[in-house]
Amino acid sequence: QVQLVESGGGLVQPGGSLRLSCAASGSIFSVNVMGWYRQAPGKQRELVAGITSAGITNYADSVKGRFTISRDNAKNTVSLQMNSLKPEDTAVYYCNYKASSPWTPYNYWGQGTQVTVSS
């Protein structure tokens, strides 16, 4: 089992910045992928950004150049720095952890943190 605890959401004006953090605990595999997804009302959950334990990153086109994902493997944490926020970034943001053993995939979610971009 892996537990994910998120922090850092809130209300911000357009053009502002927020930083989300997620701490993982439990049975952590050394090789894993952690990331952030978001879900806006009436929309499907979508990948925002992901980062492997080797530091390889992947971003949704809509956030490239504005968001930066980073991680600390020693602390099992992942962060998302969000700059130049837009109203369309408003959503619940979920931390995600993925790993696999030779026979079993693992996929865990945090409880979600609300990000609201509004004037």
N, C-alpha and C. Protein backbone atom coordinates (compact mmCIF):
# COMPACT_ATOMS: atom_id res chain seq x y z
N GLN A 1 0.83 -1.20 0.00
CA GLN A 1 0.00 0.00 0.00
C GLN A 1 0.87 1.25 0.00
N VAL A 2 0.38 2.26 -0.72
CA VAL A 2 1.06 3.55 -0.77
C VAL A 2 0.05 4.63 -0.42
N GLN A 3 0.43 5.54 0.44
CA GLN A 3 -0.43 6.66 0.79
C GLN A 3 0.18 7.94 0.20
N LEU A 4 -0.70 8.75 -0.35
CA LEU A 4 -0.28 10.01 -0.96
C LEU A 4 -1.03 11.15 -0.28
N VAL A 5 -0.29 12.13 0.20
CA VAL A 5 -0.89 13.28 0.87
C VAL A 5 -0.48 14.55 0.13
N GLU A 6 -1.49 15.26 -0.37
CA GLU A 6 -1.25 16.46 -1.15
C GLU A 6 -1.42 17.71 -0.30
N SER A 7 -0.79 18.78 -0.74
CA SER A 7 -0.97 20.08 -0.10
C SER A 7 -0.68 21.17 -1.12
N GLY A 8 -1.19 22.36 -0.83
CA GLY A 8 -0.80 23.52 -1.62
C GLY A 8 -1.86 24.10 -2.54
N GLY A 9 -3.02 23.52 -2.59
CA GLY A 9 -4.04 24.10 -3.45
C GLY A 9 -4.60 25.39 -2.87
N GLY A 10 -5.50 26.03 -3.62
CA GLY A 10 -6.11 27.25 -3.13
C GLY A 10 -6.66 28.10 -4.24
N LEU A 11 -6.95 29.34 -3.88
CA LEU A 11 -7.50 30.33 -4.81
C LEU A 11 -6.40 31.30 -5.22
N VAL A 12 -6.29 31.53 -6.51
CA VAL A 12 -5.27 32.44 -7.02
C VAL A 12 -5.84 33.21 -8.19
N GLN A 13 -5.36 34.41 -8.38
CA GLN A 13 -5.82 35.23 -9.50
C GLN A 13 -5.13 34.78 -10.80
N PRO A 14 -5.77 35.04 -11.93
CA PRO A 14 -5.12 34.73 -13.21
C PRO A 14 -3.75 35.40 -13.30
N GLY A 15 -2.78 34.62 -13.81
CA GLY A 15 -1.41 35.10 -13.87
C GLY A 15 -0.58 34.78 -12.65
N GLY A 16 -1.24 34.31 -11.61
CA GLY A 16 -0.54 34.01 -10.36
C GLY A 16 0.11 32.64 -10.38
N SER A 17 0.67 32.27 -9.23
CA SER A 17 1.39 31.01 -9.09
C SER A 17 0.93 30.25 -7.87
N LEU A 18 1.05 28.94 -7.96
CA LEU A 18 0.81 28.05 -6.83
C LEU A 18 1.80 26.91 -6.93
N ARG A 19 2.08 26.32 -5.78
CA ARG A 19 2.95 25.15 -5.75
C ARG A 19 2.23 24.03 -5.02
N LEU A 20 2.06 22.90 -5.70
CA LEU A 20 1.46 21.72 -5.09
C LEU A 20 2.57 20.75 -4.68
N SER A 21 2.34 20.10 -3.55
CA SER A 21 3.29 19.09 -3.08
C SER A 21 2.56 17.82 -2.73
N CYS A 22 3.26 16.71 -2.86
CA CYS A 22 2.68 15.41 -2.55
C CYS A 22 3.75 14.55 -1.90
N ALA A 23 3.40 13.99 -0.75
CA ALA A 23 4.32 13.10 -0.04
C ALA A 23 3.79 11.68 -0.08
N ALA A 24 4.63 10.76 -0.50
CA ALA A 24 4.26 9.35 -0.57
C ALA A 24 4.87 8.59 0.59
N SER A 25 4.11 7.66 1.11
CA SER A 25 4.61 6.81 2.19
C SER A 25 4.07 5.41 2.00
N GLY A 26 4.73 4.45 2.65
CA GLY A 26 4.30 3.06 2.54
C GLY A 26 5.32 2.24 1.75
N SER A 27 4.82 1.31 0.98
CA SER A 27 5.69 0.39 0.24
C SER A 27 6.07 1.01 -1.10
N ILE A 28 7.10 1.83 -1.07
CA ILE A 28 7.54 2.58 -2.26
C ILE A 28 8.57 1.77 -3.04
N PHE A 29 8.32 1.55 -4.31
CA PHE A 29 9.30 0.94 -5.18
C PHE A 29 10.31 2.00 -5.61
N SER A 30 11.57 1.60 -5.75
CA SER A 30 12.58 2.58 -6.14
C SER A 30 12.39 3.06 -7.57
N VAL A 31 11.82 2.22 -8.41
CA VAL A 31 11.51 2.61 -9.79
C VAL A 31 10.00 2.87 -9.86
N ASN A 32 9.65 4.11 -10.11
CA ASN A 32 8.22 4.44 -10.15
C ASN A 32 8.02 5.71 -10.97
N VAL A 33 6.78 6.01 -11.19
CA VAL A 33 6.40 7.26 -11.86
C VAL A 33 5.43 7.98 -10.94
N MET A 34 5.70 9.24 -10.68
CA MET A 34 4.77 10.06 -9.91
C MET A 34 4.32 11.21 -10.78
N GLY A 35 3.12 11.66 -10.54
CA GLY A 35 2.62 12.72 -11.39
C GLY A 35 1.40 13.40 -10.82
N TRP A 36 0.92 14.34 -11.59
CA TRP A 36 -0.27 15.11 -11.24
C TRP A 36 -1.29 15.00 -12.37
N TYR A 37 -2.52 14.74 -11.98
CA TYR A 37 -3.65 14.75 -12.87
C TYR A 37 -4.62 15.81 -12.36
N ARG A 38 -5.54 16.21 -13.22
CA ARG A 38 -6.56 17.15 -12.78
C ARG A 38 -7.90 16.78 -13.41
N GLN A 39 -8.93 17.19 -12.70
CA GLN A 39 -10.28 16.94 -13.19
C GLN A 39 -11.14 18.17 -12.92
N ALA A 40 -11.61 18.77 -13.98
CA ALA A 40 -12.50 19.91 -13.89
C ALA A 40 -13.94 19.41 -13.91
N PRO A 41 -14.88 20.18 -13.40
CA PRO A 41 -16.29 19.74 -13.39
C PRO A 41 -16.78 19.38 -14.79
N GLY A 42 -17.37 18.20 -14.90
CA GLY A 42 -17.92 17.77 -16.17
C GLY A 42 -16.91 17.27 -17.17
N LYS A 43 -15.66 17.17 -16.76
CA LYS A 43 -14.61 16.72 -17.67
C LYS A 43 -13.92 15.48 -17.12
N GLN A 44 -13.24 14.79 -18.01
CA GLN A 44 -12.49 13.61 -17.60
C GLN A 44 -11.19 14.02 -16.91
N ARG A 45 -10.70 13.14 -16.05
CA ARG A 45 -9.40 13.36 -15.42
C ARG A 45 -8.33 13.29 -16.50
N GLU A 46 -7.39 14.23 -16.44
CA GLU A 46 -6.34 14.28 -17.45
C GLU A 46 -4.97 14.43 -16.81
N LEU A 47 -3.97 13.90 -17.50
CA LEU A 47 -2.60 14.04 -17.02
C LEU A 47 -2.15 15.50 -17.18
N VAL A 48 -1.56 16.03 -16.13
CA VAL A 48 -0.96 17.37 -16.17
C VAL A 48 0.54 17.24 -16.41
N ALA A 49 1.20 16.46 -15.56
CA ALA A 49 2.65 16.27 -15.67
C ALA A 49 3.05 15.02 -14.91
N GLY A 50 4.08 14.35 -15.40
CA GLY A 50 4.59 13.17 -14.73
C GLY A 50 6.11 13.19 -14.73
N ILE A 51 6.69 12.45 -13.78
CA ILE A 51 8.14 12.38 -13.69
C ILE A 51 8.53 11.00 -13.18
N THR A 52 9.48 10.39 -13.87
CA THR A 52 9.95 9.08 -13.46
C THR A 52 10.97 9.22 -12.34
N SER A 53 11.28 8.10 -11.71
CA SER A 53 12.29 8.12 -10.65
C SER A 53 13.67 8.47 -11.22
N ALA A 54 13.84 8.35 -12.53
CA ALA A 54 15.09 8.75 -13.18
C ALA A 54 15.09 10.22 -13.58
N GLY A 55 13.96 10.89 -13.37
CA GLY A 55 13.89 12.31 -13.66
C GLY A 55 13.37 12.68 -15.04
N ILE A 56 12.86 11.72 -15.77
CA ILE A 56 12.29 12.02 -17.08
C ILE A 56 10.89 12.59 -16.89
N THR A 57 10.62 13.70 -17.55
CA THR A 57 9.35 14.39 -17.36
C THR A 57 8.48 14.34 -18.61
N ASN A 58 7.20 14.55 -18.36
CA ASN A 58 6.21 14.58 -19.44
C ASN A 58 5.15 15.59 -19.03
N TYR A 59 4.75 16.45 -19.97
CA TYR A 59 3.78 17.49 -19.67
C TYR A 59 2.65 17.48 -20.68
N ALA A 60 1.47 17.84 -20.22
CA ALA A 60 0.38 18.11 -21.14
C ALA A 60 0.73 19.36 -21.94
N ASP A 61 0.31 19.40 -23.20
CA ASP A 61 0.61 20.55 -24.05
C ASP A 61 0.09 21.84 -23.44
N SER A 62 -1.03 21.76 -22.76
CA SER A 62 -1.68 22.96 -22.23
C SER A 62 -0.90 23.61 -21.09
N VAL A 63 0.06 22.90 -20.51
CA VAL A 63 0.80 23.47 -19.37
C VAL A 63 2.28 23.64 -19.65
N LYS A 64 2.73 23.19 -20.81
CA LYS A 64 4.16 23.30 -21.14
C LYS A 64 4.60 24.77 -21.09
N GLY A 65 5.74 24.98 -20.45
CA GLY A 65 6.25 26.33 -20.33
C GLY A 65 5.69 27.10 -19.15
N ARG A 66 4.66 26.58 -18.51
CA ARG A 66 4.07 27.26 -17.36
C ARG A 66 4.23 26.45 -16.07
N PHE A 67 4.14 25.15 -16.19
CA PHE A 67 4.22 24.27 -15.02
C PHE A 67 5.56 23.51 -15.03
N THR A 68 6.07 23.25 -13.85
CA THR A 68 7.30 22.47 -13.71
C THR A 68 7.11 21.42 -12.63
N ILE A 69 7.37 20.18 -12.99
CA ILE A 69 7.27 19.08 -12.02
C ILE A 69 8.67 18.71 -11.56
N SER A 70 8.78 18.38 -10.29
CA SER A 70 10.06 17.97 -9.73
C SER A 70 9.81 16.94 -8.63
N ARG A 71 10.87 16.25 -8.25
CA ARG A 71 10.71 15.24 -7.20
C ARG A 71 11.99 15.12 -6.38
N ASP A 72 11.81 14.60 -5.18
CA ASP A 72 12.91 14.30 -4.28
C ASP A 72 12.80 12.81 -3.95
N ASN A 73 13.63 12.00 -4.56
CA ASN A 73 13.52 10.55 -4.36
C ASN A 73 13.83 10.15 -2.91
N ALA A 74 14.72 10.87 -2.28
CA ALA A 74 15.08 10.53 -0.90
C ALA A 74 13.91 10.75 0.06
N LYS A 75 13.08 11.74 -0.26
CA LYS A 75 11.93 12.06 0.61
C LYS A 75 10.62 11.52 0.05
N ASN A 76 10.66 10.91 -1.13
CA ASN A 76 9.44 10.39 -1.77
C ASN A 76 8.39 11.49 -1.93
N THR A 77 8.83 12.61 -2.43
CA THR A 77 7.91 13.72 -2.65
C THR A 77 7.96 14.15 -4.12
N VAL A 78 6.85 14.70 -4.57
CA VAL A 78 6.76 15.28 -5.90
C VAL A 78 6.06 16.62 -5.78
N SER A 79 6.52 17.59 -6.55
CA SER A 79 5.94 18.93 -6.50
C SER A 79 5.59 19.41 -7.90
N LEU A 80 4.65 20.32 -7.94
CA LEU A 80 4.23 20.92 -9.20
C LEU A 80 4.20 22.42 -9.01
N GLN A 81 5.13 23.11 -9.65
CA GLN A 81 5.15 24.57 -9.62
C GLN A 81 4.31 25.06 -10.79
N MET A 82 3.28 25.82 -10.47
CA MET A 82 2.35 26.29 -11.49
C MET A 82 2.45 27.79 -11.58
N ASN A 83 2.89 28.30 -12.73
CA ASN A 83 3.02 29.73 -12.97
C ASN A 83 2.07 30.16 -14.08
N SER A 84 1.86 31.44 -14.17
CA SER A 84 0.99 32.00 -15.22
C SER A 84 -0.34 31.26 -15.29
N LEU A 85 -0.95 31.08 -14.15
CA LEU A 85 -2.18 30.30 -14.09
C LEU A 85 -3.32 30.98 -14.82
N LYS A 86 -4.16 30.14 -15.42
CA LYS A 86 -5.29 30.61 -16.20
C LYS A 86 -6.58 30.07 -15.60
N PRO A 87 -7.71 30.72 -15.84
CA PRO A 87 -8.97 30.19 -15.32
C PRO A 87 -9.22 28.74 -15.74
N GLU A 88 -8.77 28.38 -16.91
CA GLU A 88 -8.99 27.00 -17.38
C GLU A 88 -8.13 25.97 -16.64
N ASP A 89 -7.22 26.42 -15.79
CA ASP A 89 -6.46 25.51 -14.95
C ASP A 89 -7.25 25.11 -13.69
N THR A 90 -8.39 25.73 -13.50
CA THR A 90 -9.22 25.41 -12.33
C THR A 90 -9.67 23.95 -12.38
N ALA A 91 -9.38 23.23 -11.32
CA ALA A 91 -9.72 21.81 -11.26
C ALA A 91 -9.31 21.26 -9.90
N VAL A 92 -9.71 20.04 -9.65
CA VAL A 92 -9.15 19.29 -8.53
C VAL A 92 -7.90 18.58 -9.06
N TYR A 93 -6.81 18.76 -8.37
CA TYR A 93 -5.54 18.17 -8.78
C TYR A 93 -5.24 16.96 -7.90
N TYR A 94 -4.88 15.87 -8.56
CA TYR A 94 -4.63 14.61 -7.85
C TYR A 94 -3.19 14.17 -8.05
N CYS A 95 -2.55 13.78 -6.98
CA CYS A 95 -1.24 13.17 -7.05
C CYS A 95 -1.40 11.69 -7.39
N ASN A 96 -0.49 11.19 -8.18
CA ASN A 96 -0.57 9.80 -8.63
C ASN A 96 0.79 9.11 -8.50
N TYR A 97 0.74 7.85 -8.13
CA TYR A 97 1.94 7.02 -8.03
C TYR A 97 1.71 5.74 -8.82
N LYS A 98 2.65 5.42 -9.69
CA LYS A 98 2.56 4.18 -10.47
C LYS A 98 3.87 3.41 -10.34
N ALA A 99 3.75 2.11 -10.19
CA ALA A 99 4.91 1.24 -10.15
C ALA A 99 4.44 -0.16 -10.53
N SER A 100 5.38 -1.07 -10.69
CA SER A 100 4.98 -2.43 -10.99
C SER A 100 6.03 -3.41 -10.50
N SER A 101 5.57 -4.54 -10.04
CA SER A 101 6.43 -5.69 -9.82
C SER A 101 6.41 -6.49 -11.11
N PRO A 102 7.17 -7.57 -11.20
CA PRO A 102 7.12 -8.36 -12.45
C PRO A 102 5.73 -8.84 -12.81
N TRP A 103 4.81 -8.91 -11.84
CA TRP A 103 3.50 -9.49 -12.14
C TRP A 103 2.34 -8.56 -11.82
N THR A 104 2.59 -7.47 -11.08
CA THR A 104 1.48 -6.68 -10.57
C THR A 104 1.72 -5.19 -10.78
N PRO A 105 0.77 -4.51 -11.44
CA PRO A 105 0.86 -3.05 -11.53
C PRO A 105 0.28 -2.40 -10.28
N TYR A 106 0.83 -1.27 -9.89
CA TYR A 106 0.32 -0.52 -8.75
C TYR A 106 -0.02 0.89 -9.20
N ASN A 107 -1.15 1.37 -8.75
CA ASN A 107 -1.61 2.70 -9.16
C ASN A 107 -2.38 3.30 -7.99
N TYR A 108 -1.84 4.34 -7.39
CA TYR A 108 -2.45 4.97 -6.22
C TYR A 108 -2.72 6.45 -6.48
N TRP A 109 -3.77 6.95 -5.80
CA TRP A 109 -4.18 8.34 -5.95
C TRP A 109 -4.23 9.03 -4.59
N GLY A 110 -3.92 10.31 -4.61
CA GLY A 110 -4.16 11.13 -3.44
C GLY A 110 -5.62 11.52 -3.37
N GLN A 111 -5.95 12.26 -2.33
CA GLN A 111 -7.35 12.64 -2.11
C GLN A 111 -7.78 13.83 -2.96
N GLY A 112 -6.83 14.53 -3.54
CA GLY A 112 -7.15 15.67 -4.39
C GLY A 112 -7.07 16.98 -3.64
N THR A 113 -6.65 18.02 -4.36
CA THR A 113 -6.60 19.36 -3.79
C THR A 113 -7.16 20.34 -4.82
N GLN A 114 -8.01 21.23 -4.36
CA GLN A 114 -8.69 22.15 -5.27
C GLN A 114 -7.78 23.32 -5.63
N VAL A 115 -7.72 23.60 -6.93
CA VAL A 115 -7.05 24.80 -7.44
C VAL A 115 -8.08 25.61 -8.18
N THR A 116 -8.27 26.84 -7.75
CA THR A 116 -9.23 27.73 -8.38
C THR A 116 -8.50 28.99 -8.84
N VAL A 117 -8.63 29.27 -10.13
CA VAL A 117 -8.00 30.46 -10.71
C VAL A 117 -9.12 31.41 -11.12
N SER A 118 -9.22 32.50 -10.39
CA SER A 118 -10.33 33.42 -10.61
C SER A 118 -9.99 34.79 -10.07
N SER A 119 -10.52 35.79 -10.74
CA SER A 119 -10.34 37.16 -10.24
C SER A 119 -11.50 37.56 -9.35
